[in-house]
Amino acid sequence: MKHAVKYLLLALLFAGCASSNDNVEQLIEKEAGNCKAADCTLNIADITSFKWDVMYAFNYSQPRLVIEKAIGLPYPDYQEGTRPLIFLYKNKIVHAENNPGVFAKTSKGQVIYSYELGLQYKAYKPEQAVFKVKIGKNGGQTFYSLQR
């Protein structure tokens, strides 16, 4: 029983370190929804409440090995079929979210990062994570395309 309590406390500690309460995709959706101008700019560093020095954006579900190779660390929060958005600070995961992955169409509020075709992900430093927001519709669902 003592071991179970220790493991539970360790799990809670690591969960608190690896994530924050912010869901960045939802924050992007909220900020983009407030855009009144046709040419709206969004700085990811301005909407996050945690320190980070690199953000890894995956537009599509990827195998765990691809994600771990990209970030250079084990990804304990991996969920198959999701689109990870992972933030590191000093080579440690400080925030990670697994947003719904939808194939062949977009999900409600989905954020799509524009990067070169053929890439599996894109890494952004805070000064690079400034995007023009384009709001689109697909199958009645609103999505947000972030373009540099």
C-alpha atoms as a PDB file:
ATOM      1  CA  MET A   1       0.000   0.000   0.000  1.00  0.00           C
ATOM      2  CA  LYS A   2       2.841   2.412   0.835  1.00  0.00           C
ATOM      3  CA  HIS A   3       4.351   1.811  -2.585  1.00  0.00           C
ATOM      4  CA  ALA A   4       1.044   2.566  -4.295  1.00  0.00           C
ATOM      5  CA  VAL A   5       0.805   5.902  -2.484  1.00  0.00           C
ATOM      6  CA  LYS A   6       4.412   6.740  -3.424  1.00  0.00           C
ATOM      7  CA  TYR A   7       3.742   5.959  -7.087  1.00  0.00           C
ATOM      8  CA  LEU A   8       0.539   7.993  -7.045  1.00  0.00           C
ATOM      9  CA  LEU A   9       2.355  10.998  -5.553  1.00  0.00           C
ATOM     10  CA  LEU A  10       5.167  10.678  -8.104  1.00  0.00           C
ATOM     11  CA  ALA A  11       2.649  10.470 -10.954  1.00  0.00           C
ATOM     12  CA  LEU A  12       0.887  13.601  -9.710  1.00  0.00           C
ATOM     13  CA  LEU A  13       4.204  15.420  -9.361  1.00  0.00           C
ATOM     14  CA  PHE A  14       5.262  14.553 -12.915  1.00  0.00           C
ATOM     15  CA  ALA A  15       1.835  15.405 -14.302  1.00  0.00           C
ATOM     16  CA  GLY A  16       2.058  18.826 -12.680  1.00  0.00           C
ATOM     17  CA  CYS A  17       5.502  19.435 -14.160  1.00  0.00           C
ATOM     18  CA  ALA A  18       4.702  18.248 -17.644  1.00  0.00           C
ATOM     19  CA  SER A  19       1.529  20.185 -18.210  1.00  0.00           C
ATOM     20  CA  SER A  20      -0.336  23.299 -17.266  1.00  0.00           C
ATOM     21  CA  ASN A  21      -4.043  23.989 -17.147  1.00  0.00           C
ATOM     22  CA  ASP A  22      -3.894  25.939 -20.405  1.00  0.00           C
ATOM     23  CA  ASN A  23      -5.164  24.213 -23.488  1.00  0.00           C
ATOM     24  CA  VAL A  24      -3.281  26.194 -26.091  1.00  0.00           C
ATOM     25  CA  GLU A  25      -5.494  25.078 -28.960  1.00  0.00           C
ATOM     26  CA  GLN A  26      -8.543  26.399 -27.082  1.00  0.00           C
ATOM     27  CA  LEU A  27      -6.704  29.647 -26.280  1.00  0.00           C
ATOM     28  CA  ILE A  28      -5.876  30.047 -29.977  1.00  0.00           C
ATOM     29  CA  GLU A  29      -9.518  29.434 -30.874  1.00  0.00           C
ATOM     30  CA  LYS A  30     -10.620  32.074 -28.346  1.00  0.00           C
ATOM     31  CA  GLU A  31      -8.059  34.663 -29.523  1.00  0.00           C
ATOM     32  CA  ALA A  32      -8.824  34.011 -33.189  1.00  0.00           C
ATOM     33  CA  GLY A  33     -12.528  34.355 -32.459  1.00  0.00           C
ATOM     34  CA  ASN A  34     -11.827  37.819 -31.042  1.00  0.00           C
ATOM     35  CA  CYS A  35     -10.050  38.903 -34.232  1.00  0.00           C
ATOM     36  CA  LYS A  36     -12.071  41.537 -36.006  1.00  0.00           C
ATOM     37  CA  ALA A  37      -9.517  42.432 -38.640  1.00  0.00           C
ATOM     38  CA  ALA A  38      -9.092  40.389 -41.795  1.00  0.00           C
ATOM     39  CA  ASP A  39      -5.355  40.308 -41.124  1.00  0.00           C
ATOM     40  CA  CYS A  40      -5.110  39.074 -37.532  1.00  0.00           C
ATOM     41  CA  THR A  41      -1.725  38.199 -35.972  1.00  0.00           C
ATOM     42  CA  LEU A  42      -1.309  35.798 -33.067  1.00  0.00           C
ATOM     43  CA  ASN A  43       1.810  35.372 -30.932  1.00  0.00           C
ATOM     44  CA  ILE A  44       1.736  32.012 -29.126  1.00  0.00           C
ATOM     45  CA  ALA A  45       4.112  33.301 -26.415  1.00  0.00           C
ATOM     46  CA  ASP A  46       1.554  36.006 -25.561  1.00  0.00           C
ATOM     47  CA  ILE A  47      -1.238  33.509 -24.851  1.00  0.00           C
ATOM     48  CA  THR A  48       0.708  30.909 -22.875  1.00  0.00           C
ATOM     49  CA  SER A  49       1.162  31.304 -19.129  1.00  0.00           C
ATOM     50  CA  PHE A  50       4.288  29.151 -18.860  1.00  0.00           C
ATOM     51  CA  LYS A  51       7.902  29.587 -19.950  1.00  0.00           C
ATOM     52  CA  TRP A  52       8.985  27.691 -23.027  1.00  0.00           C
ATOM     53  CA  ASP A  53      11.847  27.822 -25.475  1.00  0.00           C
ATOM     54  CA  VAL A  54      10.566  25.516 -28.223  1.00  0.00           C
ATOM     55  CA  MET A  55       7.110  24.398 -29.353  1.00  0.00           C
ATOM     56  CA  TYR A  56       6.559  21.266 -31.429  1.00  0.00           C
ATOM     57  CA  ALA A  57       3.383  21.286 -33.515  1.00  0.00           C
ATOM     58  CA  PHE A  58       2.069  18.123 -35.151  1.00  0.00           C
ATOM     59  CA  ASN A  59      -0.808  18.647 -37.600  1.00  0.00           C
ATOM     60  CA  TYR A  60      -1.541  14.935 -37.798  1.00  0.00           C
ATOM     61  CA  SER A  61      -1.286  11.909 -35.573  1.00  0.00           C
ATOM     62  CA  GLN A  62       2.218  10.463 -35.519  1.00  0.00           C
ATOM     63  CA  PRO A  63       3.700   7.306 -34.008  1.00  0.00           C
ATOM     64  CA  ARG A  64       5.326   7.707 -30.609  1.00  0.00           C
ATOM     65  CA  LEU A  65       8.788   7.097 -32.103  1.00  0.00           C
ATOM     66  CA  VAL A  66       8.400  10.036 -34.523  1.00  0.00           C
ATOM     67  CA  ILE A  67       7.325  12.336 -31.683  1.00  0.00           C
ATOM     68  CA  GLU A  68      10.103  11.234 -29.350  1.00  0.00           C
ATOM     69  CA  LYS A  69      12.706  11.584 -32.087  1.00  0.00           C
ATOM     70  CA  ALA A  70      11.415  15.091 -32.843  1.00  0.00           C
ATOM     71  CA  ILE A  71      11.479  16.340 -29.248  1.00  0.00           C
ATOM     72  CA  GLY A  72      14.548  14.330 -28.243  1.00  0.00           C
ATOM     73  CA  LEU A  73      12.819  13.022 -25.102  1.00  0.00           C
ATOM     74  CA  PRO A  74      10.448  10.266 -24.032  1.00  0.00           C
ATOM     75  CA  TYR A  75       6.826  11.394 -24.428  1.00  0.00           C
ATOM     76  CA  PRO A  76       4.934   9.798 -21.535  1.00  0.00           C
ATOM     77  CA  ASP A  77       1.643  11.540 -22.440  1.00  0.00           C
ATOM     78  CA  TYR A  78       1.461   9.908 -25.885  1.00  0.00           C
ATOM     79  CA  GLN A  79      -2.063   9.104 -27.066  1.00  0.00           C
ATOM     80  CA  GLU A  80      -2.529   7.322 -30.359  1.00  0.00           C
ATOM     81  CA  GLY A  81      -4.631   9.144 -32.927  1.00  0.00           C
ATOM     82  CA  THR A  82      -4.092  12.637 -31.493  1.00  0.00           C
ATOM     83  CA  ARG A  83      -2.265  15.748 -32.700  1.00  0.00           C
ATOM     84  CA  PRO A  84       0.346  16.611 -30.074  1.00  0.00           C
ATOM     85  CA  LEU A  85       1.353  20.149 -29.239  1.00  0.00           C
ATOM     86  CA  ILE A  86       4.421  19.995 -27.009  1.00  0.00           C
ATOM     87  CA  PHE A  87       6.336  22.810 -25.303  1.00  0.00           C
ATOM     88  CA  LEU A  88       9.822  22.391 -23.877  1.00  0.00           C
ATOM     89  CA  TYR A  89      11.794  24.623 -21.565  1.00  0.00           C
ATOM     90  CA  LYS A  90      15.450  23.829 -20.989  1.00  0.00           C
ATOM     91  CA  ASN A  91      14.949  20.435 -22.631  1.00  0.00           C
ATOM     92  CA  LYS A  92      12.047  19.401 -20.367  1.00  0.00           C
ATOM     93  CA  ILE A  93       8.379  19.092 -21.252  1.00  0.00           C
ATOM     94  CA  VAL A  94       6.534  21.951 -19.559  1.00  0.00           C
ATOM     95  CA  HIS A  95       3.238  21.604 -21.402  1.00  0.00           C
ATOM     96  CA  ALA A  96       1.792  18.936 -23.639  1.00  0.00           C
ATOM     97  CA  GLU A  97      -1.634  18.425 -25.076  1.00  0.00           C
ATOM     98  CA  ASN A  98      -3.045  15.741 -27.319  1.00  0.00           C
ATOM     99  CA  ASN A  99      -5.700  17.382 -29.421  1.00  0.00           C
ATOM    100  CA  PRO A 100      -8.261  15.305 -31.302  1.00  0.00           C
ATOM    101  CA  GLY A 101      -6.940  13.926 -34.549  1.00  0.00           C
ATOM    102  CA  VAL A 102      -9.365  13.770 -37.429  1.00  0.00           C
ATOM    103  CA  PHE A 103      -8.457  12.276 -40.776  1.00  0.00           C
ATOM    104  CA  ALA A 104      -9.702  13.722 -44.084  1.00  0.00           C
ATOM    105  CA  LYS A 105     -11.537  16.610 -42.403  1.00  0.00           C
ATOM    106  CA  THR A 106     -11.012  19.090 -39.604  1.00  0.00           C
ATOM    107  CA  SER A 107     -12.436  18.937 -36.104  1.00  0.00           C
ATOM    108  CA  LYS A 108     -14.206  21.857 -34.433  1.00  0.00           C
ATOM    109  CA  GLY A 109     -11.655  24.492 -33.412  1.00  0.00           C
ATOM    110  CA  GLN A 110      -8.730  22.572 -34.891  1.00  0.00           C
ATOM    111  CA  VAL A 111      -5.525  24.539 -35.340  1.00  0.00           C
ATOM    112  CA  ILE A 112      -3.460  23.791 -38.425  1.00  0.00           C
ATOM    113  CA  TYR A 113       0.129  25.052 -38.558  1.00  0.00           C
ATOM    114  CA  SER A 114       1.408  25.872 -42.025  1.00  0.00           C
ATOM    115  CA  TYR A 115       4.664  24.133 -42.742  1.00  0.00           C
ATOM    116  CA  GLU A 116       6.211  22.453 -45.733  1.00  0.00           C
ATOM    117  CA  LEU A 117       4.484  19.429 -47.224  1.00  0.00           C
ATOM    118  CA  GLY A 118       6.226  16.204 -46.359  1.00  0.00           C
ATOM    119  CA  LEU A 119       7.262  17.317 -42.873  1.00  0.00           C
ATOM    120  CA  GLN A 120       5.836  15.417 -39.923  1.00  0.00           C
ATOM    121  CA  TYR A 121       6.050  18.368 -37.515  1.00  0.00           C
ATOM    122  CA  LYS A 122       7.463  21.838 -37.101  1.00  0.00           C
ATOM    123  CA  ALA A 123       9.465  23.251 -34.192  1.00  0.00           C
ATOM    124  CA  TYR A 124       9.089  26.936 -33.313  1.00  0.00           C
ATOM    125  CA  LYS A 125      11.056  29.135 -30.933  1.00  0.00           C
ATOM    126  CA  PRO A 126       8.981  31.826 -29.188  1.00  0.00           C
ATOM    127  CA  GLU A 127      10.139  34.550 -31.584  1.00  0.00           C
ATOM    128  CA  GLN A 128       9.108  32.333 -34.533  1.00  0.00           C
ATOM    129  CA  ALA A 129       5.681  31.451 -33.139  1.00  0.00           C
ATOM    130  CA  VAL A 130       3.969  34.539 -34.540  1.00  0.00           C
ATOM    131  CA  PHE A 131       1.304  33.695 -37.088  1.00  0.00           C
ATOM    132  CA  LYS A 132      -1.303  35.228 -39.338  1.00  0.00           C
ATOM    133  CA  VAL A 133      -4.618  33.616 -38.450  1.00  0.00           C
ATOM    134  CA  LYS A 134      -6.892  32.450 -41.235  1.00  0.00           C
ATOM    135  CA  ILE A 135     -10.322  31.212 -40.188  1.00  0.00           C
ATOM    136  CA  GLY A 136     -11.784  28.476 -42.376  1.00  0.00           C
ATOM    137  CA  LYS A 137     -14.762  26.158 -42.565  1.00  0.00           C
ATOM    138  CA  ASN A 138     -14.812  22.511 -43.555  1.00  0.00           C
ATOM    139  CA  GLY A 139     -17.903  20.348 -43.273  1.00  0.00           C
ATOM    140  CA  GLY A 140     -19.561  23.015 -41.123  1.00  0.00           C
ATOM    141  CA  GLN A 141     -16.639  23.037 -38.667  1.00  0.00           C
ATOM    142  CA  THR A 142     -14.587  26.165 -38.004  1.00  0.00           C
ATOM    143  CA  PHE A 143     -10.816  25.673 -38.012  1.00  0.00           C
ATOM    144  CA  TYR A 144      -7.834  27.993 -37.705  1.00  0.00           C
ATOM    145  CA  SER A 145      -4.863  28.012 -40.041  1.00  0.00           C
ATOM    146  CA  LEU A 146      -1.741  29.609 -38.593  1.00  0.00           C
ATOM    147  CA  GLN A 147       0.551  30.894 -41.309  1.00  0.00           C
ATOM    148  CA  ARG A 148       4.001  32.489 -41.111  1.00  0.00           C
END
